């Protein structure tokens, strides 16, 4: 079994060394499984249970004060399952797997998805807040009114990650960097690279790109694994801070947050709306299908994403030959393991 994980692309997180240790443990746990789907589920569940990552416990809070989780999983034979907008569900990745295995559907959402999760044996009613996220929400001064009032309130707040619970949108631009390779030792892959100010980068020609560039970071977790015959991809998230209640980003959307085909698999992280607009995971796997190796495909996909949107993202890829990862944000921690 070979597996690669990411802990989210965005700003340099607090506690990078403990986070890396959790990623490494999750990769080792996944690599010990007997099939790729179990490998990615096991690895992602470790990250969903750790407050340092924006998935499961410690997820971002939407405008109505609720943490909602999303996830998707896919196999290279195009079996797929996803779930979104689930309150009180720590292990969204397990719900996505149950959708794949137990239903004729590809995506369940909202309260019915939570009811399905409980019926499938996935724990519900979990308190997904941490002390840090509860304090940040308490200080947010959120309105009680209509969606229109929520939209006015979140205009200068939407975005960000739980890597730094004190961060606020507008704290500064995220520099854009060259992506790092998934080859080499774990510490080298996660070194911070020099960047440049991207305040003038508006290649997509929109204020939206500039707003996304100002966000302090975005976390999502994901994994891709193979046993040499089948690829499996999984991505899980707690969303982005101060999104309008009910918002669903790229993560549970097939081809955006995750994708797999006989050529390989991908998991993405970053500015979710823009990832969905360009179906980043499908774009990267398409490069594999055209004969690129995993690292080249990752580099190409992130370069194209940056040119098209002006936003920040990261991606991990796995093919028959090796691992690939790239990002144009300030950092993205990854880990690999083989067994």
Protein backbone atom coordinates (compact mmCIF):
# COMPACT_ATOMS: atom_id res chain seq x y z
CA UNK A 1 0.00 0.00 0.00
CA UNK A 2 1.23 3.51 -0.88
CA UNK A 3 -0.48 6.61 0.47
CA UNK A 4 -0.06 10.39 0.42
CA UNK A 5 -1.88 12.84 2.71
CA UNK A 6 -2.25 16.58 3.00
CA UNK A 7 -3.30 18.71 5.95
CA UNK A 8 -4.55 21.71 3.99
CA UNK A 9 -3.07 24.49 1.89
CA UNK A 10 -3.05 28.09 3.05
CA UNK A 11 -1.09 30.10 5.57
CA UNK A 12 1.71 28.62 7.63
CA UNK A 13 -0.18 26.95 10.50
CA UNK A 14 0.46 27.19 14.17
CA UNK A 15 1.98 24.07 15.74
CA UNK A 16 3.55 22.79 12.49
CA UNK A 17 5.62 20.09 14.17
CA UNK A 18 2.75 18.45 16.10
CA UNK A 19 0.61 18.70 12.98
CA UNK A 20 3.31 16.94 10.97
CA UNK A 21 3.54 14.20 13.55
CA UNK A 22 -0.22 13.61 13.28
CA UNK A 23 0.02 13.52 9.49
CA UNK A 24 2.84 10.99 9.65
CA UNK A 25 0.88 8.82 12.08
CA UNK A 26 -2.18 9.03 9.84
CA UNK A 27 -0.14 8.02 6.80
CA UNK A 28 1.33 5.04 8.64
CA UNK A 29 -2.13 3.98 9.81
CA UNK A 30 -3.51 4.21 6.29
CA UNK A 31 -0.60 2.28 4.78
CA UNK A 32 -1.27 -0.60 7.16
CA UNK A 33 -4.76 -1.21 5.74
CA UNK A 34 -5.49 -4.01 3.27
CA UNK A 35 -7.34 -2.02 0.59
CA UNK A 36 -7.09 1.56 -0.73
CA UNK A 37 -10.56 2.68 0.35
CA UNK A 38 -9.90 1.59 3.93
CA UNK A 39 -6.48 3.23 3.71
CA UNK A 40 -7.79 6.68 2.85
CA UNK A 41 -10.71 6.41 5.29
CA UNK A 42 -8.45 5.37 8.17
CA UNK A 43 -5.93 8.11 7.46
CA UNK A 44 -8.52 10.85 7.11
CA UNK A 45 -10.35 9.78 10.28
CA UNK A 46 -7.16 10.43 12.24
CA UNK A 47 -7.07 14.00 10.93
CA UNK A 48 -10.81 14.54 11.46
CA UNK A 49 -10.31 13.80 15.17
CA UNK A 50 -7.44 16.26 15.63
CA UNK A 51 -8.34 19.86 16.49
CA UNK A 52 -5.35 21.15 14.53
CA UNK A 53 -7.05 20.37 11.22
CA UNK A 54 -10.17 21.90 9.72
CA UNK A 55 -12.12 18.67 9.37
CA UNK A 56 -14.37 17.07 11.95
CA UNK A 57 -13.48 18.41 15.39
CA UNK A 58 -12.29 22.01 15.13
CA UNK A 59 -14.09 22.71 11.86
CA UNK A 60 -15.00 26.18 10.66
CA UNK A 61 -18.21 27.85 11.85
CA UNK A 62 -20.88 29.02 9.43
CA UNK A 63 -22.88 32.23 9.78
CA UNK A 64 -25.56 30.64 11.97
CA UNK A 65 -23.03 29.34 14.49
CA UNK A 66 -23.03 25.74 13.25
CA UNK A 67 -20.05 23.58 12.19
CA UNK A 68 -21.03 21.48 9.16
CA UNK A 69 -18.79 18.80 7.69
CA UNK A 70 -18.39 17.53 4.11
CA UNK A 71 -16.42 14.69 2.52
CA UNK A 72 -16.08 12.64 -0.64
CA UNK A 73 -14.42 9.35 -1.63
CA UNK A 74 -13.83 7.81 -5.04
CA UNK A 75 -12.28 4.66 -6.47
CA UNK A 76 -10.55 4.28 -9.80
CA UNK A 77 -13.47 2.22 -11.15
CA UNK A 78 -15.51 5.41 -10.59
CA UNK A 79 -17.46 4.17 -7.60
CA UNK A 80 -18.07 7.32 -5.60
CA UNK A 81 -19.80 8.64 -2.51
CA UNK A 82 -20.06 12.04 -0.83
CA UNK A 83 -21.91 13.76 1.98
CA UNK A 84 -22.26 17.45 2.81
CA UNK A 85 -23.70 19.95 5.25
CA UNK A 86 -23.71 17.59 8.24
CA UNK A 87 -24.06 19.06 11.73
CA UNK A 88 -22.50 17.03 14.53
CA UNK A 89 -20.72 14.49 12.33
CA UNK A 90 -17.03 14.14 13.12
CA UNK A 91 -16.18 11.45 10.58
CA UNK A 92 -17.65 12.76 7.36
CA UNK A 93 -15.31 10.50 5.38
CA UNK A 94 -17.03 7.43 6.82
CA UNK A 95 -20.42 8.77 5.79
CA UNK A 96 -19.10 9.30 2.26
CA UNK A 97 -17.87 5.71 2.21
CA UNK A 98 -21.29 4.50 3.34
CA UNK A 99 -22.93 6.48 0.53
CA UNK A 100 -20.59 4.74 -1.92
CA UNK A 101 -21.13 1.25 -0.53
CA UNK A 102 -24.74 1.28 0.68
CA UNK A 103 -26.73 3.56 -1.64
CA UNK A 104 -27.33 3.98 -5.39
CA UNK A 105 -26.48 7.68 -5.01
CA UNK A 106 -23.32 9.77 -5.14
CA UNK A 107 -24.18 12.58 -2.68
CA UNK A 108 -26.39 13.10 0.37
CA UNK A 109 -26.78 16.45 2.13
CA UNK A 110 -28.05 18.13 5.27
CA UNK A 111 -30.18 16.57 7.96
CA UNK A 112 -31.09 13.50 5.84
CA UNK A 113 -27.37 12.84 5.47
CA UNK A 114 -27.00 13.01 9.25
CA UNK A 115 -29.88 10.57 9.68
CA UNK A 116 -28.26 8.27 7.11
CA UNK A 117 -24.96 8.52 8.98
CA UNK A 118 -26.57 7.40 12.22
CA UNK A 119 -28.30 4.52 10.44
CA UNK A 120 -24.96 3.51 8.91
CA UNK A 121 -23.30 3.36 12.32
CA UNK A 122 -21.40 6.66 12.12
CA UNK A 123 -21.57 8.65 15.37
CA UNK A 124 -23.69 11.80 15.22
CA UNK A 125 -24.45 14.56 17.71
CA UNK A 126 -20.74 15.22 18.27
CA UNK A 127 -19.65 18.60 19.63
CA UNK A 128 -17.28 19.77 16.88
CA UNK A 129 -16.26 22.98 18.65
CA UNK A 130 -12.92 23.40 20.39
CA UNK A 131 -12.11 26.01 23.01
CA UNK A 132 -10.40 28.08 20.31
CA UNK A 133 -13.22 27.95 17.78
CA UNK A 134 -15.86 28.57 20.46
CA UNK A 135 -14.01 31.69 21.60
CA UNK A 136 -13.57 32.95 18.05
CA UNK A 137 -17.26 32.50 17.33
CA UNK A 138 -18.25 34.18 20.60
CA UNK A 139 -16.26 37.24 19.53
CA UNK A 140 -17.71 37.32 16.01
CA UNK A 141 -20.81 39.39 16.81
CA UNK A 142 -22.91 37.49 14.29
CA UNK A 143 -26.40 38.70 13.35
CA UNK A 144 -29.58 36.73 14.06
CA UNK A 145 -31.44 37.94 11.00
CA UNK A 146 -32.16 36.85 7.44
CA UNK A 147 -29.71 35.37 4.92
CA UNK A 148 -29.40 38.86 3.42
CA UNK A 149 -28.28 40.23 6.77
CA UNK A 150 -25.84 37.33 7.15
CA UNK A 151 -24.41 38.07 3.69
CA UNK A 152 -23.79 41.70 4.59
CA UNK A 153 -22.08 40.63 7.82
CA UNK A 154 -19.85 37.99 6.24
CA UNK A 155 -18.71 40.13 3.30
CA UNK A 156 -15.44 41.02 5.05
CA UNK A 157 -15.18 37.83 7.10
CA UNK A 158 -15.77 34.81 4.87
CA UNK A 159 -12.81 32.48 4.58
CA UNK A 160 -9.87 31.39 6.62
CA UNK A 161 -8.86 28.27 8.46
CA UNK A 162 -8.68 27.01 12.01
CA UNK A 163 -4.90 26.75 11.86
CA UNK A 164 -4.81 30.13 13.56
CA UNK A 165 -8.06 30.63 15.49
CA UNK A 166 -7.24 34.31 16.03
CA UNK A 167 -6.77 35.10 12.32
CA UNK A 168 -9.23 37.34 10.55
CA UNK A 169 -9.84 37.95 6.88
CA UNK A 170 -7.92 41.01 5.77
CA UNK A 171 -4.87 40.22 7.89
CA UNK A 172 -2.72 40.31 4.77
CA UNK A 173 -2.10 38.75 1.42
CA UNK A 174 -1.09 35.15 1.06
CA UNK A 175 2.12 35.00 -0.96
CA UNK A 176 2.09 32.78 -4.01
CA UNK A 177 4.87 30.21 -4.19
CA UNK A 178 6.13 27.48 -6.43
CA UNK A 179 4.78 24.07 -5.44
CA UNK A 180 6.92 21.55 -3.63
CA UNK A 181 7.54 17.99 -4.67
CA UNK A 182 6.19 15.06 -2.75
CA UNK A 183 9.50 13.27 -3.18
CA UNK A 184 12.24 13.42 -0.59
CA UNK A 185 12.01 13.42 3.19
CA UNK A 186 9.00 14.68 5.07
CA UNK A 187 10.64 17.77 6.52
CA UNK A 188 12.02 18.93 3.17
CA UNK A 189 8.61 18.63 1.53
CA UNK A 190 7.07 20.95 4.08
CA UNK A 191 9.68 23.70 4.17
CA UNK A 192 8.37 27.21 3.68
CA UNK A 193 9.37 28.57 0.31
CA UNK A 194 10.05 32.23 -0.47
CA UNK A 195 7.10 33.90 -2.11
CA UNK A 196 6.12 37.18 -3.65
CA UNK A 197 3.35 39.62 -2.94
CA UNK A 198 0.38 38.80 -5.13
CA UNK A 199 -1.65 41.91 -4.46
CA UNK A 200 -1.50 42.82 -8.14
CA UNK A 201 -2.23 39.30 -9.43
CA UNK A 202 -5.74 39.47 -10.86
CA UNK A 203 -5.33 37.29 -13.93
CA UNK A 204 -8.92 36.13 -13.55
CA UNK A 205 -9.90 39.77 -13.84
CA UNK A 206 -12.16 39.90 -10.77
CA UNK A 207 -12.32 41.44 -7.30
CA UNK A 208 -13.21 37.94 -6.10
CA UNK A 209 -9.66 36.77 -6.79
CA UNK A 210 -8.22 39.61 -4.74
CA UNK A 211 -10.58 38.88 -1.85
CA UNK A 212 -9.57 35.23 -1.84
CA UNK A 213 -5.90 36.20 -1.89
CA UNK A 214 -6.39 38.16 1.33
CA UNK A 215 -7.70 35.20 3.29
CA UNK A 216 -5.43 33.99 6.09
CA UNK A 217 -5.60 30.39 4.90
CA UNK A 218 -7.85 27.44 4.22
CA UNK A 219 -7.56 23.92 5.55
CA UNK A 220 -9.00 20.68 4.24
CA UNK A 221 -7.56 17.21 4.68
CA UNK A 222 -7.22 14.50 2.09
CA UNK A 223 -5.54 11.26 1.07
CA UNK A 224 -4.86 9.16 -2.01
CA UNK A 225 -3.83 5.51 -1.81
CA UNK A 226 -3.15 2.54 -4.07
CA UNK A 227 -2.39 -1.15 -3.65
CA UNK A 228 -0.97 -1.34 -7.17
CA UNK A 229 -4.32 -2.22 -8.71
CA UNK A 230 -6.90 0.28 -7.40
CA UNK A 231 -6.67 3.96 -6.53
CA UNK A 232 -8.79 5.62 -3.86
CA UNK A 233 -9.12 9.34 -3.12
CA UNK A 234 -10.73 11.02 -0.11
CA UNK A 235 -11.15 14.61 1.01
CA UNK A 236 -12.83 15.95 4.17
CA UNK A 237 -13.44 19.44 5.52
CA UNK A 238 -15.17 21.60 8.08
CA UNK A 239 -15.63 24.29 5.45
CA UNK A 240 -14.48 27.89 5.67
CA UNK A 241 -15.05 30.36 8.45
CA UNK A 242 -18.15 32.57 8.39
CA UNK A 243 -19.61 31.06 5.22
CA UNK A 244 -23.31 31.60 4.73
CA UNK A 245 -25.24 28.88 6.57
CA UNK A 246 -25.68 25.94 4.22
CA UNK A 247 -22.68 26.75 2.05
CA UNK A 248 -21.04 23.70 0.44
CA UNK A 249 -17.65 24.13 -1.21
CA UNK A 250 -15.55 22.01 -3.51
CA UNK A 251 -14.78 19.11 -1.17
CA UNK A 252 -17.81 16.85 -1.76
CA UNK A 253 -18.09 17.78 -5.45
CA UNK A 254 -16.79 15.02 -7.71
CA UNK A 255 -13.88 16.27 -9.80
CA UNK A 256 -13.35 19.35 -7.66
CA UNK A 257 -12.29 18.24 -4.19
CA UNK A 258 -11.43 14.66 -5.13
CA UNK A 259 -11.20 12.35 -8.13
CA UNK A 260 -9.83 8.98 -9.17
CA UNK A 261 -9.49 7.07 -12.43
CA UNK A 262 -7.38 4.12 -13.60
CA UNK A 263 -4.55 6.63 -14.16
CA UNK A 264 -4.40 7.77 -10.53
CA UNK A 265 -6.09 9.87 -7.88
CA UNK A 266 -6.13 13.42 -6.52
CA UNK A 267 -7.24 15.38 -3.45
CA UNK A 268 -7.36 19.18 -3.40
CA UNK A 269 -7.40 21.93 -0.80
CA UNK A 270 -7.72 25.70 -0.89
CA UNK A 271 -10.17 28.33 -2.13
CA UNK A 272 -13.19 26.07 -2.54
CA UNK A 273 -15.37 28.15 -4.81
CA UNK A 274 -12.55 28.59 -7.30
CA UNK A 275 -11.50 24.94 -7.06
CA UNK A 276 -15.05 24.02 -8.00
CA UNK A 277 -15.12 26.50 -10.86
CA UNK A 278 -12.17 24.81 -12.56
CA UNK A 279 -12.79 21.20 -11.32
CA UNK A 280 -9.20 21.07 -10.10
CA UNK A 281 -8.99 17.39 -9.12
CA UNK A 282 -10.37 16.23 -12.47
CA UNK A 283 -8.04 18.61 -14.28
CA UNK A 284 -5.01 17.13 -12.51
CA UNK A 285 -6.02 13.51 -13.11
CA UNK A 286 -6.57 14.43 -16.73
CA UNK A 287 -2.87 15.30 -16.94
CA UNK A 288 -2.08 11.82 -15.60
CA UNK A 289 -4.32 10.33 -18.26
CA UNK A 290 -2.38 12.24 -20.91
CA UNK A 291 0.88 10.67 -19.75
CA UNK A 292 2.29 13.11 -17.20
CA UNK A 293 3.87 11.75 -14.04
CA UNK A 294 2.28 12.68 -10.72
CA UNK A 295 4.59 15.59 -9.90
CA UNK A 296 4.33 17.14 -13.35
CA UNK A 297 0.55 16.78 -13.28
CA UNK A 298 0.39 18.48 -9.87
CA UNK A 299 2.59 21.36 -11.02
CA UNK A 300 0.59 21.88 -14.21
CA UNK A 301 -2.76 21.79 -12.44
CA UNK A 302 -1.76 24.36 -9.82
CA UNK A 303 -0.16 26.62 -12.44
CA UNK A 304 -3.37 26.51 -14.49
CA UNK A 305 -5.48 27.09 -11.40
CA UNK A 306 -3.48 30.16 -10.44
CA UNK A 307 -3.68 31.58 -13.95
CA UNK A 308 -7.41 31.00 -14.25
CA UNK A 309 -8.49 32.20 -10.80
CA UNK A 310 -5.75 34.19 -9.07
CA UNK A 311 -6.56 32.16 -5.94
CA UNK A 312 -4.60 29.77 -3.74
CA UNK A 313 -4.85 25.98 -3.64
CA UNK A 314 -2.88 22.80 -3.18
CA UNK A 315 -3.12 19.28 -4.53
CA UNK A 316 -1.75 15.80 -3.93
CA UNK A 317 -1.57 13.11 -6.61
CA UNK A 318 -0.67 9.45 -6.82
CA UNK A 319 -0.05 7.33 -9.90
CA UNK A 320 1.51 3.94 -10.62
CA UNK A 321 5.02 5.36 -10.33
CA UNK A 322 5.02 7.82 -7.47
CA UNK A 323 3.67 10.79 -5.52
CA UNK A 324 3.11 14.40 -6.51
CA UNK A 325 2.15 17.56 -4.64
CA UNK A 326 2.05 21.26 -5.41
CA UNK A 327 0.58 24.44 -3.96
CA UNK A 328 0.64 28.18 -4.63
CA UNK A 329 -0.21 29.23 -1.08
CA UNK A 330 2.19 29.92 1.75
CA UNK A 331 2.41 26.27 2.77
CA UNK A 332 0.93 22.79 2.67
CA UNK A 333 1.98 19.94 4.92
CA UNK A 334 2.01 16.45 3.43
CA UNK A 335 3.10 12.96 4.38
CA UNK A 336 3.66 9.71 2.52
CA UNK A 337 3.98 6.09 3.60
CA UNK A 338 4.40 2.71 1.97
CA UNK A 339 3.83 -0.75 3.31
